[in-house]
Amino acid sequence: MKTVSSILLIMLCLSFTKAQNLSSEQLLEKAIAYHDPNGHWPKFSGNFKVTMTTPNQSPRISDISINLPAEFFSVTAQRDSITQTYTVGKTDCSLFYNETRLDEATAKEKKMTCERANMYKNYYTYLYGLPMKLKDKGTNIDSKVERKSFKGKDYLVLKVTYDETVGSDVWYFYFDQKTYAMEVYQFYKTDNKGNVKQDSGEYILLTEEETVNGIKMPKVRAWYYNKDDNYLGTDTLGK
């Protein structure tokens, strides 16, 4: 019995050591292999719904369509009796309010813009394209894989910064040490010298999974402030 226990302990230690010796590139590849085992993301074309719940507000239900080969994105968000649609194509943008297409003047009155449409495109494509999006141009992954404990669990962590033209936030991505599933991500703002503001930013806890076109996406994303753990809201993915 002692022999069996000793063997299991040795195997556990070897597994842990192997995980710790991963380079950042290897960790990212393993994480991508977990979430997108068949390499579908570059040609992703699909639809899904996201229900956002926040304290003291009605739920917002967003129908999202992403077609990467066609460079098309659309989101229709409904809260209470108001529906807004932002659509972005290769060269154009369309805005709808309660299913009525808006001209420039009316869109401005409703505070709907093509700039906001592209912001939504980047936001949803980035978050639901992780960790594959970490291979995008302008993404700088620290060469060292960190080991951190978060909410009582140990993770393998990638630190990520971006070229100035992409963004100024510093991100951390937390992966399960055995499966390499992404379970937490966290970001901090920086000052005008590039230093991290420790009381800024948010962390996002990822639980459950939904498979969309062969890609394992986080089903539930709960958002909190870094500075005080204050709860912000939850996004729940559905088909």
C-alpha atoms as a PDB file:
ATOM      1  CA  MET A   1       0.000   0.000   0.000  1.00  0.00           C
ATOM      2  CA  LYS A   2       2.872   2.312   0.859  1.00  0.00           C
ATOM      3  CA  THR A   3       4.491   1.467  -2.483  1.00  0.00           C
ATOM      4  CA  VAL A   4       1.332   2.428  -4.394  1.00  0.00           C
ATOM      5  CA  SER A   5       1.048   5.669  -2.444  1.00  0.00           C
ATOM      6  CA  SER A   6       4.703   6.468  -3.162  1.00  0.00           C
ATOM      7  CA  ILE A   7       4.242   5.841  -6.903  1.00  0.00           C
ATOM      8  CA  LEU A   8       1.160   8.076  -7.025  1.00  0.00           C
ATOM      9  CA  LEU A   9       3.042  10.815  -5.180  1.00  0.00           C
ATOM     10  CA  ILE A  10       5.980  10.582  -7.609  1.00  0.00           C
ATOM     11  CA  MET A  11       3.633  10.703 -10.621  1.00  0.00           C
ATOM     12  CA  LEU A  12       1.871  13.739  -9.184  1.00  0.00           C
ATOM     13  CA  CYS A  13       5.184  15.506  -8.612  1.00  0.00           C
ATOM     14  CA  LEU A  14       6.397  14.672 -12.127  1.00  0.00           C
ATOM     15  CA  SER A  15       3.134  15.959 -13.610  1.00  0.00           C
ATOM     16  CA  PHE A  16       3.402  19.171 -11.594  1.00  0.00           C
ATOM     17  CA  THR A  17       7.059  19.656 -12.591  1.00  0.00           C
ATOM     18  CA  LYS A  18       6.203  19.131 -16.245  1.00  0.00           C
ATOM     19  CA  ALA A  19       3.450  21.738 -16.022  1.00  0.00           C
ATOM     20  CA  GLN A  20       5.780  24.170 -14.302  1.00  0.00           C
ATOM     21  CA  ASN A  21       8.410  23.763 -17.031  1.00  0.00           C
ATOM     22  CA  LEU A  22       6.044  24.816 -19.807  1.00  0.00           C
ATOM     23  CA  SER A  23       7.001  27.866 -21.814  1.00  0.00           C
ATOM     24  CA  SER A  24       4.338  30.527 -22.327  1.00  0.00           C
ATOM     25  CA  GLU A  25       3.987  29.441 -25.963  1.00  0.00           C
ATOM     26  CA  GLN A  26       3.458  25.824 -24.937  1.00  0.00           C
ATOM     27  CA  LEU A  27       0.882  26.756 -22.306  1.00  0.00           C
ATOM     28  CA  LEU A  28      -1.051  28.837 -24.814  1.00  0.00           C
ATOM     29  CA  GLU A  29      -1.005  26.016 -27.366  1.00  0.00           C
ATOM     30  CA  LYS A  30      -2.309  23.551 -24.773  1.00  0.00           C
ATOM     31  CA  ALA A  31      -5.048  25.975 -23.732  1.00  0.00           C
ATOM     32  CA  ILE A  32      -6.070  26.464 -27.358  1.00  0.00           C
ATOM     33  CA  ALA A  33      -6.032  22.700 -27.899  1.00  0.00           C
ATOM     34  CA  TYR A  34      -8.473  22.381 -24.991  1.00  0.00           C
ATOM     35  CA  HIS A  35     -10.870  25.128 -26.077  1.00  0.00           C
ATOM     36  CA  ASP A  36     -10.583  24.711 -29.861  1.00  0.00           C
ATOM     37  CA  PRO A  37      -9.356  21.134 -30.405  1.00  0.00           C
ATOM     38  CA  ASN A  38     -10.144  21.100 -34.124  1.00  0.00           C
ATOM     39  CA  GLY A  39      -8.889  24.584 -34.979  1.00  0.00           C
ATOM     40  CA  HIS A  40     -12.293  26.039 -35.882  1.00  0.00           C
ATOM     41  CA  TRP A  41     -11.763  29.583 -34.615  1.00  0.00           C
ATOM     42  CA  PRO A  42     -10.035  31.145 -37.686  1.00  0.00           C
ATOM     43  CA  LYS A  43     -13.091  30.215 -39.787  1.00  0.00           C
ATOM     44  CA  PHE A  44     -15.682  30.669 -37.048  1.00  0.00           C
ATOM     45  CA  SER A  45     -19.205  31.456 -38.218  1.00  0.00           C
ATOM     46  CA  GLY A  46     -21.928  31.120 -35.638  1.00  0.00           C
ATOM     47  CA  ASN A  47     -24.668  32.586 -33.498  1.00  0.00           C
ATOM     48  CA  PHE A  48     -25.196  32.612 -29.763  1.00  0.00           C
ATOM     49  CA  LYS A  49     -27.062  34.507 -27.054  1.00  0.00           C
ATOM     50  CA  VAL A  50     -25.654  36.249 -24.010  1.00  0.00           C
ATOM     51  CA  THR A  51     -27.878  37.227 -21.084  1.00  0.00           C
ATOM     52  CA  MET A  52     -26.355  39.920 -18.909  1.00  0.00           C
ATOM     53  CA  THR A  53     -27.658  40.322 -15.375  1.00  0.00           C
ATOM     54  CA  THR A  54     -26.562  43.234 -13.203  1.00  0.00           C
ATOM     55  CA  PRO A  55     -27.698  44.455  -9.785  1.00  0.00           C
ATOM     56  CA  ASN A  56     -30.783  46.695  -9.837  1.00  0.00           C
ATOM     57  CA  GLN A  57     -31.309  46.430 -13.605  1.00  0.00           C
ATOM     58  CA  SER A  58     -33.418  44.336 -15.953  1.00  0.00           C
ATOM     59  CA  PRO A  59     -31.600  41.553 -17.814  1.00  0.00           C
ATOM     60  CA  ARG A  60     -30.184  42.405 -21.227  1.00  0.00           C
ATOM     61  CA  ILE A  61     -30.418  39.649 -23.840  1.00  0.00           C
ATOM     62  CA  SER A  62     -28.011  39.926 -26.776  1.00  0.00           C
ATOM     63  CA  ASP A  63     -28.258  37.875 -29.971  1.00  0.00           C
ATOM     64  CA  ILE A  64     -24.779  37.787 -31.456  1.00  0.00           C
ATOM     65  CA  SER A  65     -23.643  36.713 -34.916  1.00  0.00           C
ATOM     66  CA  ILE A  66     -19.947  36.411 -35.786  1.00  0.00           C
ATOM     67  CA  ASN A  67     -18.682  35.383 -39.233  1.00  0.00           C
ATOM     68  CA  LEU A  68     -14.917  35.783 -39.328  1.00  0.00           C
ATOM     69  CA  PRO A  69     -14.344  34.753 -42.990  1.00  0.00           C
ATOM     70  CA  ALA A  70     -16.990  37.258 -44.144  1.00  0.00           C
ATOM     71  CA  GLU A  71     -15.782  39.921 -41.684  1.00  0.00           C
ATOM     72  CA  PHE A  72     -19.354  40.265 -40.445  1.00  0.00           C
ATOM     73  CA  PHE A  73     -20.636  40.996 -36.954  1.00  0.00           C
ATOM     74  CA  SER A  74     -24.068  41.747 -35.572  1.00  0.00           C
ATOM     75  CA  VAL A  75     -25.520  42.147 -32.092  1.00  0.00           C
ATOM     76  CA  THR A  76     -29.172  42.729 -31.240  1.00  0.00           C
ATOM     77  CA  ALA A  77     -29.595  43.663 -27.591  1.00  0.00           C
ATOM     78  CA  GLN A  78     -32.963  43.804 -25.864  1.00  0.00           C
ATOM     79  CA  ARG A  79     -33.671  45.255 -22.438  1.00  0.00           C
ATOM     80  CA  ASP A  80     -37.284  45.824 -21.386  1.00  0.00           C
ATOM     81  CA  SER A  81     -39.096  47.291 -24.427  1.00  0.00           C
ATOM     82  CA  ILE A  82     -36.015  48.629 -26.200  1.00  0.00           C
ATOM     83  CA  THR A  83     -34.124  46.738 -28.895  1.00  0.00           C
ATOM     84  CA  GLN A  84     -30.896  47.994 -30.465  1.00  0.00           C
ATOM     85  CA  THR A  85     -29.049  46.352 -33.347  1.00  0.00           C
ATOM     86  CA  TYR A  86     -25.472  47.083 -34.427  1.00  0.00           C
ATOM     87  CA  THR A  87     -24.250  45.453 -37.644  1.00  0.00           C
ATOM     88  CA  VAL A  88     -20.728  45.713 -39.046  1.00  0.00           C
ATOM     89  CA  GLY A  89     -19.666  44.451 -42.473  1.00  0.00           C
ATOM     90  CA  LYS A  90     -16.404  44.728 -44.386  1.00  0.00           C
ATOM     91  CA  THR A  91     -17.035  48.331 -45.395  1.00  0.00           C
ATOM     92  CA  ASP A  92     -20.293  49.402 -43.805  1.00  0.00           C
ATOM     93  CA  CYS A  93     -22.236  49.703 -40.580  1.00  0.00           C
ATOM     94  CA  SER A  94     -25.983  49.643 -39.902  1.00  0.00           C
ATOM     95  CA  LEU A  95     -27.863  50.759 -36.807  1.00  0.00           C
ATOM     96  CA  PHE A  96     -31.422  49.812 -35.835  1.00  0.00           C
ATOM     97  CA  TYR A  97     -33.624  50.964 -32.971  1.00  0.00           C
ATOM     98  CA  ASN A  98     -36.715  48.825 -32.301  1.00  0.00           C
ATOM     99  CA  GLU A  99     -36.167  47.253 -35.739  1.00  0.00           C
ATOM    100  CA  THR A 100     -36.157  50.625 -37.545  1.00  0.00           C
ATOM    101  CA  ARG A 101     -33.012  51.484 -39.449  1.00  0.00           C
ATOM    102  CA  LEU A 102     -31.622  54.811 -38.338  1.00  0.00           C
ATOM    103  CA  ASP A 103     -30.272  57.638 -40.414  1.00  0.00           C
ATOM    104  CA  GLU A 104     -27.247  59.551 -39.166  1.00  0.00           C
ATOM    105  CA  ALA A 105     -29.213  62.264 -37.370  1.00  0.00           C
ATOM    106  CA  THR A 106     -31.568  59.855 -35.574  1.00  0.00           C
ATOM    107  CA  ALA A 107     -28.691  57.560 -34.635  1.00  0.00           C
ATOM    108  CA  LYS A 108     -26.875  60.487 -33.053  1.00  0.00           C
ATOM    109  CA  GLU A 109     -30.024  61.348 -31.126  1.00  0.00           C
ATOM    110  CA  LYS A 110     -30.220  57.754 -29.841  1.00  0.00           C
ATOM    111  CA  LYS A 111     -26.479  57.820 -29.025  1.00  0.00           C
ATOM    112  CA  MET A 112     -25.842  54.960 -31.421  1.00  0.00           C
ATOM    113  CA  THR A 113     -22.712  55.134 -33.569  1.00  0.00           C
ATOM    114  CA  CYS A 114     -20.627  52.967 -35.893  1.00  0.00           C
ATOM    115  CA  GLU A 115     -17.757  53.510 -33.489  1.00  0.00           C
ATOM    116  CA  ARG A 116     -19.803  51.799 -30.787  1.00  0.00           C
ATOM    117  CA  ALA A 117     -20.735  49.047 -33.249  1.00  0.00           C
ATOM    118  CA  ASN A 118     -17.046  48.304 -33.849  1.00  0.00           C
ATOM    119  CA  MET A 119     -16.417  48.432 -30.108  1.00  0.00           C
ATOM    120  CA  TYR A 120     -19.051  45.700 -29.595  1.00  0.00           C
ATOM    121  CA  LYS A 121     -17.521  43.694 -32.448  1.00  0.00           C
ATOM    122  CA  ASN A 122     -14.080  43.840 -30.862  1.00  0.00           C
ATOM    123  CA  TYR A 123     -15.454  43.165 -27.371  1.00  0.00           C
ATOM    124  CA  TYR A 124     -17.485  40.054 -28.154  1.00  0.00           C
ATOM    125  CA  THR A 125     -15.024  38.648 -30.688  1.00  0.00           C
ATOM    126  CA  TYR A 126     -12.183  39.056 -28.195  1.00  0.00           C
ATOM    127  CA  LEU A 127     -13.856  37.619 -25.103  1.00  0.00           C
ATOM    128  CA  TYR A 128     -15.534  34.678 -26.805  1.00  0.00           C
ATOM    129  CA  GLY A 129     -12.494  34.057 -28.997  1.00  0.00           C
ATOM    130  CA  LEU A 130     -10.176  33.517 -26.025  1.00  0.00           C
ATOM    131  CA  PRO A 131      -7.666  32.022 -25.626  1.00  0.00           C
ATOM    132  CA  MET A 132      -7.236  31.812 -29.416  1.00  0.00           C
ATOM    133  CA  LYS A 133      -7.248  35.625 -29.678  1.00  0.00           C
ATOM    134  CA  LEU A 134      -3.989  35.714 -27.723  1.00  0.00           C
ATOM    135  CA  LYS A 135      -2.246  34.799 -30.975  1.00  0.00           C
ATOM    136  CA  ASP A 136      -3.396  38.043 -32.626  1.00  0.00           C
ATOM    137  CA  LYS A 137      -0.866  40.558 -33.873  1.00  0.00           C
ATOM    138  CA  GLY A 138      -0.056  43.209 -31.279  1.00  0.00           C
ATOM    139  CA  THR A 139      -0.408  40.759 -28.369  1.00  0.00           C
ATOM    140  CA  ASN A 140       2.696  40.431 -26.206  1.00  0.00           C
ATOM    141  CA  ILE A 141       2.858  37.368 -23.953  1.00  0.00           C
ATOM    142  CA  ASP A 142       5.397  37.339 -21.153  1.00  0.00           C
ATOM    143  CA  SER A 143       7.925  34.551 -21.649  1.00  0.00           C
ATOM    144  CA  LYS A 144       7.538  33.357 -18.057  1.00  0.00           C
ATOM    145  CA  VAL A 145       4.628  31.171 -16.990  1.00  0.00           C
ATOM    146  CA  GLU A 146       3.613  32.259 -13.506  1.00  0.00           C
ATOM    147  CA  ARG A 147       2.053  30.102 -10.825  1.00  0.00           C
ATOM    148  CA  LYS A 148      -0.602  31.874  -8.792  1.00  0.00           C
ATOM    149  CA  SER A 149      -3.274  30.947  -6.295  1.00  0.00           C
ATOM    150  CA  PHE A 150      -6.649  32.587  -6.893  1.00  0.00           C
ATOM    151  CA  LYS A 151      -9.717  31.988  -4.753  1.00  0.00           C
ATOM    152  CA  GLY A 152      -8.047  28.962  -3.179  1.00  0.00           C
ATOM    153  CA  LYS A 153      -6.943  27.242  -6.399  1.00  0.00           C
ATOM    154  CA  ASP A 154      -3.485  27.109  -8.001  1.00  0.00           C
ATOM    155  CA  TYR A 155      -3.201  28.106 -11.650  1.00  0.00           C
ATOM    156  CA  LEU A 156      -0.721  28.458 -14.464  1.00  0.00           C
ATOM    157  CA  VAL A 157      -0.867  32.107 -15.495  1.00  0.00           C
ATOM    158  CA  LEU A 158       0.035  34.075 -18.608  1.00  0.00           C
ATOM    159  CA  LYS A 159       0.733  37.788 -18.334  1.00  0.00           C
ATOM    160  CA  VAL A 160      -0.249  39.689 -21.467  1.00  0.00           C
ATOM    161  CA  THR A 161       0.343  43.243 -22.635  1.00  0.00           C
ATOM    162  CA  TYR A 162      -0.509  44.853 -25.942  1.00  0.00           C
ATOM    163  CA  ASP A 163       1.050  47.160 -28.470  1.00  0.00           C
ATOM    164  CA  GLU A 164       0.096  50.780 -27.924  1.00  0.00           C
ATOM    165  CA  THR A 165      -2.212  50.744 -30.946  1.00  0.00           C
ATOM    166  CA  VAL A 166      -4.131  47.773 -29.473  1.00  0.00           C
ATOM    167  CA  GLY A 167      -4.539  48.646 -25.793  1.00  0.00           C
ATOM    168  CA  SER A 168      -2.830  49.728 -22.594  1.00  0.00           C
ATOM    169  CA  ASP A 169      -4.323  47.306 -20.059  1.00  0.00           C
ATOM    170  CA  VAL A 170      -2.318  44.474 -18.498  1.00  0.00           C
ATOM    171  CA  TRP A 171      -4.110  41.120 -18.532  1.00  0.00           C
ATOM    172  CA  TYR A 172      -3.594  37.857 -16.654  1.00  0.00           C
ATOM    173  CA  PHE A 173      -5.064  34.562 -17.851  1.00  0.00           C
ATOM    174  CA  TYR A 174      -5.443  31.685 -15.396  1.00  0.00           C
ATOM    175  CA  PHE A 175      -5.418  28.076 -16.650  1.00  0.00           C
ATOM    176  CA  ASP A 176      -6.170  24.814 -14.869  1.00  0.00           C
ATOM    177  CA  GLN A 177      -2.905  22.972 -14.241  1.00  0.00           C
ATOM    178  CA  LYS A 178      -4.216  19.628 -15.524  1.00  0.00           C
ATOM    179  CA  THR A 179      -6.694  20.377 -18.308  1.00  0.00           C
ATOM    180  CA  TYR A 180      -5.371  23.841 -19.313  1.00  0.00           C
ATOM    181  CA  ALA A 181      -8.935  25.153 -19.376  1.00  0.00           C
ATOM    182  CA  MET A 182      -9.152  28.924 -18.951  1.00  0.00           C
ATOM    183  CA  GLU A 183     -10.988  29.596 -15.675  1.00  0.00           C
ATOM    184  CA  VAL A 184     -10.190  33.214 -14.754  1.00  0.00           C
ATOM    185  CA  TYR A 185      -8.967  36.337 -16.445  1.00  0.00           C
ATOM    186  CA  GLN A 186      -8.078  39.646 -14.915  1.00  0.00           C
ATOM    187  CA  PHE A 187      -6.986  43.050 -16.122  1.00  0.00           C
ATOM    188  CA  TYR A 188      -5.494  46.212 -14.666  1.00  0.00           C
ATOM    189  CA  LYS A 189      -5.343  49.755 -15.985  1.00  0.00           C
ATOM    190  CA  THR A 190      -2.016  51.543 -16.365  1.00  0.00           C
ATOM    191  CA  ASP A 191      -0.941  55.153 -15.801  1.00  0.00           C
ATOM    192  CA  ASN A 192       0.664  57.402 -18.424  1.00  0.00           C
ATOM    193  CA  LYS A 193       4.053  55.824 -17.626  1.00  0.00           C
ATOM    194  CA  GLY A 194       2.796  52.304 -18.192  1.00  0.00           C
ATOM    195  CA  ASN A 195       2.744  51.356 -14.519  1.00  0.00           C
ATOM    196  CA  VAL A 196      -0.075  49.134 -13.285  1.00  0.00           C
ATOM    197  CA  LYS A 197      -2.709  50.787 -11.088  1.00  0.00           C
ATOM    198  CA  GLN A 198      -3.210  48.144  -8.411  1.00  0.00           C
ATOM    199  CA  ASP A 199      -6.653  49.440  -7.373  1.00  0.00           C
ATOM    200  CA  SER A 200      -7.999  49.372 -10.933  1.00  0.00           C
ATOM    201  CA  GLY A 201      -9.515  46.827 -13.248  1.00  0.00           C
ATOM    202  CA  GLU A 202     -11.601  43.725 -12.831  1.00  0.00           C
ATOM    203  CA  TYR A 203     -11.421  39.952 -12.618  1.00  0.00           C
ATOM    204  CA  ILE A 204     -13.781  37.544 -14.301  1.00  0.00           C
ATOM    205  CA  LEU A 205     -14.611  34.069 -13.000  1.00  0.00           C
ATOM    206  CA  LEU A 206     -15.465  31.526 -15.691  1.00  0.00           C
ATOM    207  CA  THR A 207     -17.651  28.555 -14.837  1.00  0.00           C
ATOM    208  CA  GLU A 208     -19.358  25.835 -16.880  1.00  0.00           C
ATOM    209  CA  GLU A 209     -18.945  25.532 -20.639  1.00  0.00           C
ATOM    210  CA  GLU A 210     -21.023  25.761 -23.785  1.00  0.00           C
ATOM    211  CA  THR A 211     -19.743  24.254 -27.041  1.00  0.00           C
ATOM    212  CA  VAL A 212     -20.411  26.539 -30.001  1.00  0.00           C
ATOM    213  CA  ASN A 213     -19.344  25.234 -33.421  1.00  0.00           C
ATOM    214  CA  GLY A 214     -16.822  22.918 -31.804  1.00  0.00           C
ATOM    215  CA  ILE A 215     -15.327  25.573 -29.519  1.00  0.00           C
ATOM    216  CA  LYS A 216     -15.585  25.276 -25.741  1.00  0.00           C
ATOM    217  CA  MET A 217     -16.633  28.720 -24.535  1.00  0.00           C
ATOM    218  CA  PRO A 218     -17.187  29.783 -20.913  1.00  0.00           C
ATOM    219  CA  LYS A 219     -20.923  29.592 -20.226  1.00  0.00           C
ATOM    220  CA  VAL A 220     -20.959  31.843 -17.157  1.00  0.00           C
ATOM    221  CA  ARG A 221     -18.735  34.897 -16.694  1.00  0.00           C
ATOM    222  CA  ALA A 222     -19.056  36.735 -13.381  1.00  0.00           C
ATOM    223  CA  TRP A 223     -17.371  40.151 -13.162  1.00  0.00           C
ATOM    224  CA  TYR A 224     -15.871  41.726 -10.020  1.00  0.00           C
ATOM    225  CA  TYR A 225     -13.732  44.783  -9.198  1.00  0.00           C
ATOM    226  CA  ASN A 226     -10.139  43.988  -8.256  1.00  0.00           C
ATOM    227  CA  LYS A 227      -9.993  46.632  -5.545  1.00  0.00           C
ATOM    228  CA  ASP A 228     -12.817  45.419  -3.322  1.00  0.00           C
ATOM    229  CA  ASP A 229     -14.276  42.230  -4.876  1.00  0.00           C
ATOM    230  CA  ASN A 230     -17.484  44.136  -5.521  1.00  0.00           C
ATOM    231  CA  TYR A 231     -19.785  42.189  -7.839  1.00  0.00           C
ATOM    232  CA  LEU A 232     -20.592  43.866 -11.159  1.00  0.00           C
ATOM    233  CA  GLY A 233     -22.663  41.396 -13.106  1.00  0.00           C
ATOM    234  CA  THR A 234     -22.861  38.057 -14.901  1.00  0.00           C
ATOM    235  CA  ASP A 235     -22.945  37.078 -18.577  1.00  0.00           C
ATOM    236  CA  THR A 236     -24.534  33.727 -19.352  1.00  0.00           C
ATOM    237  CA  LEU A 237     -24.033  32.125 -22.745  1.00  0.00           C
ATOM    238  CA  GLY A 238     -26.779  30.225 -24.510  1.00  0.00           C
ATOM    239  CA  LYS A 239     -27.544  29.028 -28.034  1.00  0.00           C
END
